[in-house]
Amino acid sequence: MINRIRGEAALSAGGRQYRLLLTLGALAEIEDGLGLKDLSGMGARLARTRAADLAIVAAALLRGGGHDLAPADVLKLPVDLGALMGAVRAAFEAAGLESGGTGTDAVPFPGGAGLNSASA
């Protein structure tokens, strides 16, 4: 069961429920995995994301939620792109990094309409 009060988000893939959680460790993994100097460039980087970037971010959030998945494992999950991006966005929003508020630059995949506009 997902606990939104703790900042958790859900992903359903292949008939299984996964928990995503933005932890400090997940942030460090994302920063390192994307080759960022600091977190200030994350929003701009993820606004024009690649499938590999999405896998890095999702894997870090899934590990934060207690699942032992690497980016290569995320790429093999039976889930559509929109659902995966929505779950990642929900994890950031649950952590208080909501679209439209201050600090919008930190929110990955800004806006709701472009959910399926990632380049692979």
PDB file of N, CA and C in Angstrom:
ATOM      1  N   MET A   1       0.842  -1.187   0.000  1.00  0.00           N
ATOM      2  CA  MET A   1       0.000   0.000   0.000  1.00  0.00           C
ATOM      3  C   MET A   1       0.886   1.249   0.000  1.00  0.00           C
ATOM      4  N   ILE A   2       0.550   2.165  -0.873  1.00  0.00           N
ATOM      5  CA  ILE A   2       1.310   3.407  -1.005  1.00  0.00           C
ATOM      6  C   ILE A   2       0.882   4.388   0.079  1.00  0.00           C
ATOM      7  N   ASN A   3       1.860   5.012   0.725  1.00  0.00           N
ATOM      8  CA  ASN A   3       1.603   5.999   1.769  1.00  0.00           C
ATOM      9  C   ASN A   3       1.995   7.371   1.225  1.00  0.00           C
ATOM     10  N   ARG A   4       1.022   8.100   0.723  1.00  0.00           N
ATOM     11  CA  ARG A   4       1.290   9.416   0.133  1.00  0.00           C
ATOM     12  C   ARG A   4       1.779  10.424   1.175  1.00  0.00           C
ATOM     13  N   ILE A   5       1.418  10.232   2.418  1.00  0.00           N
ATOM     14  CA  ILE A   5       1.874  11.132   3.479  1.00  0.00           C
ATOM     15  C   ILE A   5       3.396  11.042   3.626  1.00  0.00           C
ATOM     16  N   ARG A   6       3.959   9.867   3.391  1.00  0.00           N
ATOM     17  CA  ARG A   6       5.416   9.683   3.436  1.00  0.00           C
ATOM     18  C   ARG A   6       6.088  10.141   2.153  1.00  0.00           C
ATOM     19  N   GLY A   7       5.307  10.515   1.137  1.00  0.00           N
ATOM     20  CA  GLY A   7       5.869  10.970  -0.117  1.00  0.00           C
ATOM     21  C   GLY A   7       6.030   9.876  -1.147  1.00  0.00           C
ATOM     22  N   GLU A   8       5.331   8.770  -0.964  1.00  0.00           N
ATOM     23  CA  GLU A   8       5.452   7.648  -1.888  1.00  0.00           C
ATOM     24  C   GLU A   8       4.520   7.819  -3.088  1.00  0.00           C
ATOM     25  N   ALA A   9       4.929   7.249  -4.196  1.00  0.00           N
ATOM     26  CA  ALA A   9       4.114   7.213  -5.409  1.00  0.00           C
ATOM     27  C   ALA A   9       4.059   5.765  -5.880  1.00  0.00           C
ATOM     28  N   ALA A  10       3.080   5.464  -6.739  1.00  0.00           N
ATOM     29  CA  ALA A  10       2.870   4.082  -7.182  1.00  0.00           C
ATOM     30  C   ALA A  10       3.136   3.921  -8.668  1.00  0.00           C
ATOM     31  N   LEU A  11       3.590   2.726  -9.015  1.00  0.00           N
ATOM     32  CA  LEU A  11       3.744   2.324 -10.403  1.00  0.00           C
ATOM     33  C   LEU A  11       3.235   0.898 -10.513  1.00  0.00           C
ATOM     34  N   SER A  12       2.342   0.686 -11.449  1.00  0.00           N
ATOM     35  CA  SER A  12       1.837  -0.658 -11.728  1.00  0.00           C
ATOM     36  C   SER A  12       2.462  -1.122 -13.032  1.00  0.00           C
ATOM     37  N   ALA A  13       3.148  -2.264 -12.977  1.00  0.00           N
ATOM     38  CA  ALA A  13       3.805  -2.794 -14.174  1.00  0.00           C
ATOM     39  C   ALA A  13       3.763  -4.316 -14.143  1.00  0.00           C
ATOM     40  N   GLY A  14       3.245  -4.889 -15.188  1.00  0.00           N
ATOM     41  CA  GLY A  14       3.214  -6.346 -15.289  1.00  0.00           C
ATOM     42  C   GLY A  14       2.420  -7.017 -14.189  1.00  0.00           C
ATOM     43  N   GLY A  15       1.344  -6.373 -13.747  1.00  0.00           N
ATOM     44  CA  GLY A  15       0.517  -6.944 -12.695  1.00  0.00           C
ATOM     45  C   GLY A  15       1.115  -6.818 -11.301  1.00  0.00           C
ATOM     46  N   ARG A  16       2.185  -6.063 -11.166  1.00  0.00           N
ATOM     47  CA  ARG A  16       2.845  -5.873  -9.874  1.00  0.00           C
ATOM     48  C   ARG A  16       2.828  -4.397  -9.497  1.00  0.00           C
ATOM     49  N   GLN A  17       2.703  -4.120  -8.211  1.00  0.00           N
ATOM     50  CA  GLN A  17       2.729  -2.753  -7.709  1.00  0.00           C
ATOM     51  C   GLN A  17       4.129  -2.422  -7.196  1.00  0.00           C
ATOM     52  N   TYR A  18       4.631  -1.272  -7.601  1.00  0.00           N
ATOM     53  CA  TYR A  18       5.930  -0.794  -7.148  1.00  0.00           C
ATOM     54  C   TYR A  18       5.740   0.525  -6.409  1.00  0.00           C
ATOM     55  N   ARG A  19       6.626   0.766  -5.452  1.00  0.00           N
ATOM     56  CA  ARG A  19       6.611   1.993  -4.661  1.00  0.00           C
ATOM     57  C   ARG A  19       7.816   2.835  -5.087  1.00  0.00           C
ATOM     58  N   LEU A  20       7.596   4.117  -5.357  1.00  0.00           N
ATOM     59  CA  LEU A  20       8.669   5.056  -5.680  1.00  0.00           C
ATOM     60  C   LEU A  20       8.750   6.071  -4.559  1.00  0.00           C
ATOM     61  N   LEU A  21       9.963   6.405  -4.151  1.00  0.00           N
ATOM     62  CA  LEU A  21      10.158   7.365  -3.066  1.00  0.00           C
ATOM     63  C   LEU A  21      11.420   8.177  -3.348  1.00  0.00           C
ATOM     64  N   LEU A  22      11.273   9.492  -3.305  1.00  0.00           N
ATOM     65  CA  LEU A  22      12.404  10.389  -3.507  1.00  0.00           C
ATOM     66  C   LEU A  22      13.124  10.581  -2.179  1.00  0.00           C
ATOM     67  N   THR A  23      14.210   9.859  -2.007  1.00  0.00           N
ATOM     68  CA  THR A  23      15.027   9.963  -0.800  1.00  0.00           C
ATOM     69  C   THR A  23      16.274  10.784  -1.124  1.00  0.00           C
ATOM     70  N   LEU A  24      17.041  11.114  -0.099  1.00  0.00           N
ATOM     71  CA  LEU A  24      18.298  11.814  -0.318  1.00  0.00           C
ATOM     72  C   LEU A  24      19.241  10.936  -1.149  1.00  0.00           C
ATOM     73  N   GLY A  25      19.239   9.640  -0.864  1.00  0.00           N
ATOM     74  CA  GLY A  25      20.055   8.719  -1.646  1.00  0.00           C
ATOM     75  C   GLY A  25      19.627   8.677  -3.101  1.00  0.00           C
ATOM     76  N   ALA A  26      18.311   8.700  -3.342  1.00  0.00           N
ATOM     77  CA  ALA A  26      17.809   8.709  -4.716  1.00  0.00           C
ATOM     78  C   ALA A  26      18.237   9.986  -5.432  1.00  0.00           C
ATOM     79  N   LEU A  27      18.160  11.120  -4.746  1.00  0.00           N
ATOM     80  CA  LEU A  27      18.603  12.376  -5.351  1.00  0.00           C
ATOM     81  C   LEU A  27      20.080  12.314  -5.730  1.00  0.00           C
ATOM     82  N   ALA A  28      20.897  11.767  -4.838  1.00  0.00           N
ATOM     83  CA  ALA A  28      22.330  11.644  -5.126  1.00  0.00           C
ATOM     84  C   ALA A  28      22.569  10.717  -6.320  1.00  0.00           C
ATOM     85  N   GLU A  29      21.821   9.625  -6.396  1.00  0.00           N
ATOM     86  CA  GLU A  29      21.945   8.701  -7.530  1.00  0.00           C
ATOM     87  C   GLU A  29      21.543   9.371  -8.837  1.00  0.00           C
ATOM     88  N   ILE A  30      20.466  10.148  -8.793  1.00  0.00           N
ATOM     89  CA  ILE A  30      19.994  10.845  -9.992  1.00  0.00           C
ATOM     90  C   ILE A  30      21.033  11.867 -10.446  1.00  0.00           C
ATOM     91  N   GLU A  31      21.507  12.652  -9.503  1.00  0.00           N
ATOM     92  CA  GLU A  31      22.519  13.665  -9.804  1.00  0.00           C
ATOM     93  C   GLU A  31      23.753  13.018 -10.437  1.00  0.00           C
ATOM     94  N   ASP A  32      24.219  11.935  -9.841  1.00  0.00           N
ATOM     95  CA  ASP A  32      25.403  11.234 -10.327  1.00  0.00           C
ATOM     96  C   ASP A  32      25.132  10.537 -11.665  1.00  0.00           C
ATOM     97  N   GLY A  33      23.995   9.847 -11.746  1.00  0.00           N
ATOM     98  CA  GLY A  33      23.653   9.095 -12.950  1.00  0.00           C
ATOM     99  C   GLY A  33      23.462   9.965 -14.177  1.00  0.00           C
ATOM    100  N   LEU A  34      22.988  11.189 -13.963  1.00  0.00           N
ATOM    101  CA  LEU A  34      22.770  12.110 -15.082  1.00  0.00           C
ATOM    102  C   LEU A  34      23.992  12.995 -15.347  1.00  0.00           C
ATOM    103  N   GLY A  35      25.028  12.836 -14.514  1.00  0.00           N
ATOM    104  CA  GLY A  35      26.238  13.624 -14.696  1.00  0.00           C
ATOM    105  C   GLY A  35      26.059  15.096 -14.398  1.00  0.00           C
ATOM    106  N   LEU A  36      25.203  15.410 -13.426  1.00  0.00           N
ATOM    107  CA  LEU A  36      24.943  16.809 -13.067  1.00  0.00           C
ATOM    108  C   LEU A  36      25.949  17.280 -12.023  1.00  0.00           C
ATOM    109  N   LYS A  37      26.357  18.543 -12.109  1.00  0.00           N
ATOM    110  CA  LYS A  37      27.241  19.114 -11.100  1.00  0.00           C
ATOM    111  C   LYS A  37      26.495  19.304  -9.785  1.00  0.00           C
ATOM    112  N   ASP A  38      25.220  19.682  -9.901  1.00  0.00           N
ATOM    113  CA  ASP A  38      24.354  19.863  -8.737  1.00  0.00           C
ATOM    114  C   ASP A  38      22.910  19.703  -9.179  1.00  0.00           C
ATOM    115  N   LEU A  39      21.995  19.772  -8.238  1.00  0.00           N
ATOM    116  CA  LEU A  39      20.585  19.521  -8.536  1.00  0.00           C
ATOM    117  C   LEU A  39      19.896  20.651  -9.298  1.00  0.00           C
ATOM    118  N   SER A  40      20.524  21.819  -9.369  1.00  0.00           N
ATOM    119  CA  SER A  40      19.860  22.953 -10.019  1.00  0.00           C
ATOM    120  C   SER A  40      19.609  22.714 -11.510  1.00  0.00           C
ATOM    121  N   GLY A  41      20.368  21.855 -12.141  1.00  0.00           N
ATOM    122  CA  GLY A  41      20.184  21.599 -13.559  1.00  0.00           C
ATOM    123  C   GLY A  41      19.274  20.429 -13.877  1.00  0.00           C
ATOM    124  N   MET A  42      18.708  19.802 -12.851  1.00  0.00           N
ATOM    125  CA  MET A  42      17.910  18.601 -13.081  1.00  0.00           C
ATOM    126  C   MET A  42      16.659  18.875 -13.907  1.00  0.00           C
ATOM    127  N   GLY A  43      15.919  19.922 -13.602  1.00  0.00           N
ATOM    128  CA  GLY A  43      14.674  20.208 -14.322  1.00  0.00           C
ATOM    129  C   GLY A  43      14.910  20.412 -15.811  1.00  0.00           C
ATOM    130  N   ALA A  44      15.926  21.201 -16.141  1.00  0.00           N
ATOM    131  CA  ALA A  44      16.238  21.459 -17.549  1.00  0.00           C
ATOM    132  C   ALA A  44      16.682  20.179 -18.248  1.00  0.00           C
ATOM    133  N   ARG A  45      17.457  19.375 -17.562  1.00  0.00           N
ATOM    134  CA  ARG A  45      17.940  18.124 -18.163  1.00  0.00           C
ATOM    135  C   ARG A  45      16.791  17.158 -18.414  1.00  0.00           C
ATOM    136  N   LEU A  46      15.887  17.043 -17.465  1.00  0.00           N
ATOM    137  CA  LEU A  46      14.792  16.088 -17.600  1.00  0.00           C
ATOM    138  C   LEU A  46      13.655  16.595 -18.481  1.00  0.00           C
ATOM    139  N   ALA A  47      13.622  17.894 -18.760  1.00  0.00           N
ATOM    140  CA  ALA A  47      12.595  18.425 -19.658  1.00  0.00           C
ATOM    141  C   ALA A  47      12.801  17.910 -21.080  1.00  0.00           C
ATOM    142  N   ARG A  48      14.023  17.517 -21.397  1.00  0.00           N
ATOM    143  CA  ARG A  48      14.326  16.942 -22.716  1.00  0.00           C
ATOM    144  C   ARG A  48      15.015  15.591 -22.519  1.00  0.00           C
ATOM    145  N   THR A  49      14.333  14.757 -21.785  1.00  0.00           N
ATOM    146  CA  THR A  49      14.896  13.482 -21.352  1.00  0.00           C
ATOM    147  C   THR A  49      15.014  12.451 -22.464  1.00  0.00           C
ATOM    148  N   ARG A  50      15.890  11.514 -22.238  1.00  0.00           N
ATOM    149  CA  ARG A  50      16.060  10.343 -23.096  1.00  0.00           C
ATOM    150  C   ARG A  50      15.567   9.136 -22.299  1.00  0.00           C
ATOM    151  N   ALA A  51      15.319   8.034 -22.969  1.00  0.00           N
ATOM    152  CA  ALA A  51      14.854   6.823 -22.286  1.00  0.00           C
ATOM    153  C   ALA A  51      15.863   6.390 -21.225  1.00  0.00           C
ATOM    154  N   ALA A  52      17.156   6.512 -21.518  1.00  0.00           N
ATOM    155  CA  ALA A  52      18.187   6.127 -20.546  1.00  0.00           C
ATOM    156  C   ALA A  52      18.119   7.000 -19.300  1.00  0.00           C
ATOM    157  N   ASP A  53      17.854   8.297 -19.482  1.00  0.00           N
ATOM    158  CA  ASP A  53      17.718   9.199 -18.335  1.00  0.00           C
ATOM    159  C   ASP A  53      16.516   8.819 -17.484  1.00  0.00           C
ATOM    160  N   LEU A  54      15.409   8.534 -18.146  1.00  0.00           N
ATOM    161  CA  LEU A  54      14.201   8.129 -17.428  1.00  0.00           C
ATOM    162  C   LEU A  54      14.458   6.859 -16.626  1.00  0.00           C
ATOM    163  N   ALA A  55      15.181   5.922 -17.197  1.00  0.00           N
ATOM    164  CA  ALA A  55      15.500   4.673 -16.496  1.00  0.00           C
ATOM    165  C   ALA A  55      16.366   4.926 -15.275  1.00  0.00           C
ATOM    166  N   ILE A  56      17.324   5.847 -15.371  1.00  0.00           N
ATOM    167  CA  ILE A  56      18.183   6.200 -14.232  1.00  0.00           C
ATOM    168  C   ILE A  56      17.350   6.794 -13.111  1.00  0.00           C
ATOM    169  N   VAL A  57      16.488   7.739 -13.452  1.00  0.00           N
ATOM    170  CA  VAL A  57      15.649   8.409 -12.455  1.00  0.00           C
ATOM    171  C   VAL A  57      14.672   7.418 -11.818  1.00  0.00           C
ATOM    172  N   ALA A  58      13.983   6.646 -12.647  1.00  0.00           N
ATOM    173  CA  ALA A  58      13.006   5.680 -12.129  1.00  0.00           C
ATOM    174  C   ALA A  58      13.666   4.634 -11.241  1.00  0.00           C
ATOM    175  N   ALA A  59      14.828   4.135 -11.641  1.00  0.00           N
ATOM    176  CA  ALA A  59      15.526   3.122 -10.835  1.00  0.00           C
ATOM    177  C   ALA A  59      15.904   3.691  -9.470  1.00  0.00           C
ATOM    178  N   ALA A  60      16.370   4.930  -9.436  1.00  0.00           N
ATOM    179  CA  ALA A  60      16.735   5.558  -8.159  1.00  0.00           C
ATOM    180  C   ALA A  60      15.506   5.702  -7.258  1.00  0.00           C
ATOM    181  N   LEU A  61      14.380   6.126  -7.844  1.00  0.00           N
ATOM    182  CA  LEU A  61      13.148   6.276  -7.072  1.00  0.00           C
ATOM    183  C   LEU A  61      12.609   4.922  -6.606  1.00  0.00           C
ATOM    184  N   LEU A  62      12.730   3.915  -7.442  1.00  0.00           N
ATOM    185  CA  LEU A  62      12.289   2.566  -7.058  1.00  0.00           C
ATOM    186  C   LEU A  62      13.162   2.013  -5.934  1.00  0.00           C
ATOM    187  N   ARG A  63      14.467   2.241  -5.999  1.00  0.00           N
ATOM    188  CA  ARG A  63      15.339   1.805  -4.899  1.00  0.00           C
ATOM    189  C   ARG A  63      14.989   2.559  -3.621  1.00  0.00           C
ATOM    190  N   GLY A  64      14.657   3.850  -3.756  1.00  0.00           N
ATOM    191  CA  GLY A  64      14.205   4.617  -2.596  1.00  0.00           C
ATOM    192  C   GLY A  64      12.947   4.028  -1.987  1.00  0.00           C
ATOM    193  N   GLY A  65      12.121   3.408  -2.829  1.00  0.00           N
ATOM    194  CA  GLY A  65      10.894   2.762  -2.381  1.00  0.00           C
ATOM    195  C   GLY A  65      11.086   1.328  -1.923  1.00  0.00           C
ATOM    196  N   GLY A  66      12.328   0.840  -1.953  1.00  0.00           N
ATOM    197  CA  GLY A  66      12.611  -0.487  -1.423  1.00  0.00           C
ATOM    198  C   GLY A  66      12.756  -1.597  -2.453  1.00  0.00           C
ATOM    199  N   HIS A  67      12.794  -1.252  -3.734  1.00  0.00           N
ATOM    200  CA  HIS A  67      12.938  -2.264  -4.787  1.00  0.00           C
ATOM    201  C   HIS A  67      14.377  -2.265  -5.298  1.00  0.00           C
ATOM    202  N   ASP A  68      14.912  -3.434  -5.554  1.00  0.00           N
ATOM    203  CA  ASP A  68      16.288  -3.557  -6.015  1.00  0.00           C
ATOM    204  C   ASP A  68      16.313  -3.660  -7.537  1.00  0.00           C
ATOM    205  N   LEU A  69      16.132  -2.506  -8.204  1.00  0.00           N
ATOM    206  CA  LEU A  69      16.110  -2.470  -9.665  1.00  0.00           C
ATOM    207  C   LEU A  69      17.167  -1.501 -10.180  1.00  0.00           C
ATOM    208  N   ALA A  70      17.886  -1.940 -11.193  1.00  0.00           N
ATOM    209  CA  ALA A  70      18.862  -1.092 -11.873  1.00  0.00           C
ATOM    210  C   ALA A  70      18.179  -0.448 -13.079  1.00  0.00           C
ATOM    211  N   PRO A  71      18.784   0.590 -13.663  1.00  0.00           N
ATOM    212  CA  PRO A  71      18.191   1.201 -14.850  1.00  0.00           C
ATOM    213  C   PRO A  71      17.892   0.193 -15.964  1.00  0.00           C
ATOM    214  N   ALA A  72      18.759  -0.785 -16.164  1.00  0.00           N
ATOM    215  CA  ALA A  72      18.507  -1.803 -17.200  1.00  0.00           C
ATOM    216  C   ALA A  72      17.255  -2.613 -16.879  1.00  0.00           C
ATOM    217  N   ASP A  73      16.972  -2.834 -15.599  1.00  0.00           N
ATOM    218  CA  ASP A  73      15.756  -3.550 -15.195  1.00  0.00           C
ATOM    219  C   ASP A  73      14.514  -2.719 -15.486  1.00  0.00           C
ATOM    220  N   VAL A  74      14.610  -1.414 -15.271  1.00  0.00           N
ATOM    221  CA  VAL A  74      13.476  -0.516 -15.526  1.00  0.00           C
ATOM    222  C   VAL A  74      13.111  -0.546 -17.005  1.00  0.00           C
ATOM    223  N   LEU A  75      14.114  -0.588 -17.857  1.00  0.00           N
ATOM    224  CA  LEU A  75      13.859  -0.616 -19.298  1.00  0.00           C
ATOM    225  C   LEU A  75      13.132  -1.886 -19.732  1.00  0.00           C
ATOM    226  N   LYS A  76      13.188  -2.929 -18.919  1.00  0.00           N
ATOM    227  CA  LYS A  76      12.526  -4.197 -19.238  1.00  0.00           C
ATOM    228  C   LYS A  76      11.142  -4.332 -18.608  1.00  0.00           C
ATOM    229  N   LEU A  77      10.747  -3.374 -17.765  1.00  0.00           N
ATOM    230  CA  LEU A  77       9.431  -3.459 -17.128  1.00  0.00           C
ATOM    231  C   LEU A  77       8.322  -3.366 -18.178  1.00  0.00           C
ATOM    232  N   PRO A  78       7.285  -4.190 -18.038  1.00  0.00           N
ATOM    233  CA  PRO A  78       6.152  -4.118 -18.971  1.00  0.00           C
ATOM    234  C   PRO A  78       5.202  -2.981 -18.586  1.00  0.00           C
ATOM    235  N   VAL A  79       5.593  -1.759 -18.939  1.00  0.00           N
ATOM    236  CA  VAL A  79       4.806  -0.576 -18.595  1.00  0.00           C
ATOM    237  C   VAL A  79       4.925   0.420 -19.735  1.00  0.00           C
ATOM    238  N   ASP A  80       3.841   1.171 -19.981  1.00  0.00           N
ATOM    239  CA  ASP A  80       3.929   2.158 -21.054  1.00  0.00           C
ATOM    240  C   ASP A  80       4.643   3.416 -20.570  1.00  0.00           C
ATOM    241  N   LEU A  81       5.182   4.144 -21.505  1.00  0.00           N
ATOM    242  CA  LEU A  81       5.986   5.321 -21.214  1.00  0.00           C
ATOM    243  C   LEU A  81       5.224   6.354 -20.391  1.00  0.00           C
ATOM    244  N   GLY A  82       3.973   6.590 -20.739  1.00  0.00           N
ATOM    245  CA  GLY A  82       3.177   7.578 -20.008  1.00  0.00           C
ATOM    246  C   GLY A  82       2.984   7.214 -18.550  1.00  0.00           C
ATOM    247  N   ALA A  83       2.738   5.944 -18.271  1.00  0.00           N
ATOM    248  CA  ALA A  83       2.559   5.500 -16.885  1.00  0.00           C
ATOM    249  C   ALA A  83       3.850   5.643 -16.093  1.00  0.00           C
ATOM    250  N   LEU A  84       4.979   5.301 -16.711  1.00  0.00           N
ATOM    251  CA  LEU A  84       6.264   5.414 -16.020  1.00  0.00           C
ATOM    252  C   LEU A  84       6.599   6.873 -15.732  1.00  0.00           C
ATOM    253  N   MET A  85       6.414   7.726 -16.731  1.00  0.00           N
ATOM    254  CA  MET A  85       6.690   9.149 -16.525  1.00  0.00           C
ATOM    255  C   MET A  85       5.742   9.753 -15.496  1.00  0.00           C
ATOM    256  N   GLY A  86       4.487   9.330 -15.517  1.00  0.00           N
ATOM    257  CA  GLY A  86       3.528   9.829 -14.528  1.00  0.00           C
ATOM    258  C   GLY A  86       3.908   9.425 -13.119  1.00  0.00           C
ATOM    259  N   ALA A  87       4.387   8.203 -12.937  1.00  0.00           N
ATOM    260  CA  ALA A  87       4.797   7.735 -11.610  1.00  0.00           C
ATOM    261  C   ALA A  87       6.023   8.499 -11.113  1.00  0.00           C
ATOM    262  N   VAL A  88       6.967   8.756 -12.018  1.00  0.00           N
ATOM    263  CA  VAL A  88       8.155   9.522 -11.641  1.00  0.00           C
ATOM    264  C   VAL A  88       7.762  10.940 -11.251  1.00  0.00           C
ATOM    265  N   ARG A  89       6.899  11.556 -12.062  1.00  0.00           N
ATOM    266  CA  ARG A  89       6.430  12.907 -11.749  1.00  0.00           C
ATOM    267  C   ARG A  89       5.704  12.921 -10.404  1.00  0.00           C
ATOM    268  N   ALA A  90       4.860  11.912 -10.162  1.00  0.00           N
ATOM    269  CA  ALA A  90       4.118  11.829  -8.899  1.00  0.00           C
ATOM    270  C   ALA A  90       5.058  11.702  -7.705  1.00  0.00           C
ATOM    271  N   ALA A  91       6.158  10.993  -7.870  1.00  0.00           N
ATOM    272  CA  ALA A  91       7.129  10.847  -6.775  1.00  0.00           C
ATOM    273  C   ALA A  91       7.767  12.193  -6.437  1.00  0.00           C
ATOM    274  N   PHE A  92       8.103  12.975  -7.468  1.00  0.00           N
ATOM    275  CA  PHE A  92       8.677  14.299  -7.212  1.00  0.00           C
ATOM    276  C   PHE A  92       7.641  15.220  -6.587  1.00  0.00           C
ATOM    277  N   GLU A  93       6.415  15.168  -7.080  1.00  0.00           N
ATOM    278  CA  GLU A  93       5.354  16.005  -6.514  1.00  0.00           C
ATOM    279  C   GLU A  93       5.048  15.608  -5.072  1.00  0.00           C
ATOM    280  N   ALA A  94       5.057  14.311  -4.780  1.00  0.00           N
ATOM    281  CA  ALA A  94       4.793  13.841  -3.414  1.00  0.00           C
ATOM    282  C   ALA A  94       5.881  14.312  -2.451  1.00  0.00           C
ATOM    283  N   ALA A  95       7.079  14.561  -2.985  1.00  0.00           N
ATOM    284  CA  ALA A  95       8.183  15.055  -2.162  1.00  0.00           C
ATOM    285  C   ALA A  95       8.129  16.573  -2.002  1.00  0.00           C
ATOM    286  N   GLY A  96       7.113  17.207  -2.599  1.00  0.00           N
ATOM    287  CA  GLY A  96       6.944  18.646  -2.453  1.00  0.00           C
ATOM    288  C   GLY A  96       7.518  19.454  -3.597  1.00  0.00           C
ATOM    289  N   LEU A  97       7.958  18.800  -4.651  1.00  0.00           N
ATOM    290  CA  LEU A  97       8.493  19.510  -5.815  1.00  0.00           C
ATOM    291  C   LEU A  97       7.420  19.543  -6.885  1.00  0.00           C
ATOM    292  N   GLU A  98       6.373  20.344  -6.650  1.00  0.00           N
ATOM    293  CA  GLU A  98       5.206  20.355  -7.525  1.00  0.00           C
ATOM    294  C   GLU A  98       5.367  21.321  -8.675  1.00  0.00           C
ATOM    295  N   SER A  99       4.790  20.982  -9.806  1.00  0.00           N
ATOM    296  CA  SER A  99       4.778  21.864 -10.966  1.00  0.00           C
ATOM    297  C   SER A  99       4.018  23.136 -10.634  1.00  0.00           C
ATOM    298  N   GLY A 100       4.530  24.231 -11.146  1.00  0.00           N
ATOM    299  CA  GLY A 100       3.826  25.502 -10.996  1.00  0.00           C
ATOM    300  C   GLY A 100       4.158  26.255  -9.722  1.00  0.00           C
ATOM    301  N   GLY A 101       4.820  25.613  -8.785  1.00  0.00           N
ATOM    302  CA  GLY A 101       5.206  26.296  -7.563  1.00  0.00           C
ATOM    303  C   GLY A 101       6.602  26.862  -7.715  1.00  0.00           C
ATOM    304  N   THR A 102       7.133  27.411  -6.628  1.00  0.00           N
ATOM    305  CA  THR A 102       8.503  27.873  -6.689  1.00  0.00           C
ATOM    306  C   THR A 102       9.403  26.659  -6.777  1.00  0.00           C
ATOM    307  N   GLY A 103      10.479  26.784  -7.476  1.00  0.00           N
ATOM    308  CA  GLY A 103      11.384  25.659  -7.648  1.00  0.00           C
ATOM    309  C   GLY A 103      10.947  24.718  -8.755  1.00  0.00           C
ATOM    310  N   THR A 104      10.167  25.218  -9.714  1.00  0.00           N
ATOM    311  CA  THR A 104       9.677  24.400 -10.814  1.00  0.00           C
ATOM    312  C   THR A 104      10.831  23.787 -11.595  1.00  0.00           C
ATOM    313  N   ASP A 105      11.998  24.434 -11.575  1.00  0.00           N
ATOM    314  CA  ASP A 105      13.141  23.915 -12.319  1.00  0.00           C
ATOM    315  C   ASP A 105      13.552  22.535 -11.836  1.00  0.00           C
ATOM    316  N   ALA A 106      13.195  22.157 -10.611  1.00  0.00           N
ATOM    317  CA  ALA A 106      13.593  20.862 -10.080  1.00  0.00           C
ATOM    318  C   ALA A 106      12.636  19.753 -10.465  1.00  0.00           C
ATOM    319  N   VAL A 107      11.486  20.096 -11.010  1.00  0.00           N
ATOM    320  CA  VAL A 107      10.481  19.091 -11.331  1.00  0.00           C
ATOM    321  C   VAL A 107      10.766  18.469 -12.688  1.00  0.00           C
ATOM    322  N   PRO A 108      10.920  17.142 -12.735  1.00  0.00           N
ATOM    323  CA  PRO A 108      11.156  16.511 -14.027  1.00  0.00           C
ATOM    324  C   PRO A 108       9.871  16.428 -14.840  1.00  0.00           C
ATOM    325  N   PHE A 109       9.997  16.431 -16.142  1.00  0.00           N
ATOM    326  CA  PHE A 109       8.879  16.252 -17.049  1.00  0.00           C
ATOM    327  C   PHE A 109       7.773  17.266 -16.770  1.00  0.00           C
ATOM    328  N   PRO A 110       8.071  18.587 -16.813  1.00  0.00           N
ATOM    329  CA  PRO A 110       7.072  19.592 -16.479  1.00  0.00           C
ATOM    330  C   PRO A 110       5.863  19.535 -17.395  1.00  0.00           C
ATOM    331  N   GLY A 111       4.732  19.921 -16.864  1.00  0.00           N
ATOM    332  CA  GLY A 111       3.482  19.963 -17.625  1.00  0.00           C
ATOM    333  C   GLY A 111       2.857  18.600 -17.753  1.00  0.00           C
ATOM    334  N   GLY A 112       1.534  18.565 -17.887  1.00  0.00           N
ATOM    335  CA  GLY A 112       0.836  17.304 -17.983  1.00  0.00           C
ATOM    336  C   GLY A 112       0.595  16.845 -19.410  1.00  0.00           C
ATOM    337  N   ALA A 113       0.487  17.788 -20.338  1.00  0.00           N
ATOM    338  CA  ALA A 113       0.125  17.439 -21.711  1.00  0.00           C
ATOM    339  C   ALA A 113       1.215  16.683 -22.439  1.00  0.00           C
ATOM    340  N   GLY A 114       2.475  16.964 -22.120  1.00  0.00           N
ATOM    341  CA  GLY A 114       3.577  16.354 -22.847  1.00  0.00           C
ATOM    342  C   GLY A 114       4.037  15.038 -22.260  1.00  0.00           C
ATOM    343  N   LEU A 115       3.149  14.309 -21.631  1.00  0.00           N
ATOM    344  CA  LEU A 115       3.526  13.087 -20.940  1.00  0.00           C
ATOM    345  C   LEU A 115       4.202  12.084 -21.845  1.00  0.00           C
ATOM    346  N   ASN A 116       3.816  12.017 -23.076  1.00  0.00           N
ATOM    347  CA  ASN A 116       4.393  11.025 -23.989  1.00  0.00           C
ATOM    348  C   ASN A 116       5.371  11.653 -24.975  1.00  0.00           C
ATOM    349  N   SER A 117       5.993  12.760 -24.597  1.00  0.00           N
ATOM    350  CA  SER A 117       6.852  13.462 -25.545  1.00  0.00           C
ATOM    351  C   SER A 117       8.336  13.243 -25.293  1.00  0.00           C
ATOM    352  N   ALA A 118       8.709  12.273 -24.505  1.00  0.00           N
ATOM    353  CA  ALA A 118      10.115  12.008 -24.276  1.00  0.00           C
ATOM    354  C   ALA A 118      10.740  11.411 -25.526  1.00  0.00           C
ATOM    355  N   SER A 119      11.982  11.778 -25.764  1.00  0.00           N
ATOM    356  CA  SER A 119      12.654  11.190 -26.922  1.00  0.00           C
ATOM    357  C   SER A 119      13.418   9.964 -26.495  1.00  0.00           C
ATOM    358  N   ALA A 120      13.290   8.911 -27.244  1.00  0.00           N
ATOM    359  CA  ALA A 120      13.955   7.659 -26.875  1.00  0.00           C
ATOM    360  C   ALA A 120      15.216   7.459 -27.668  1.00  0.00           C
TER     361      ALA A 120
END
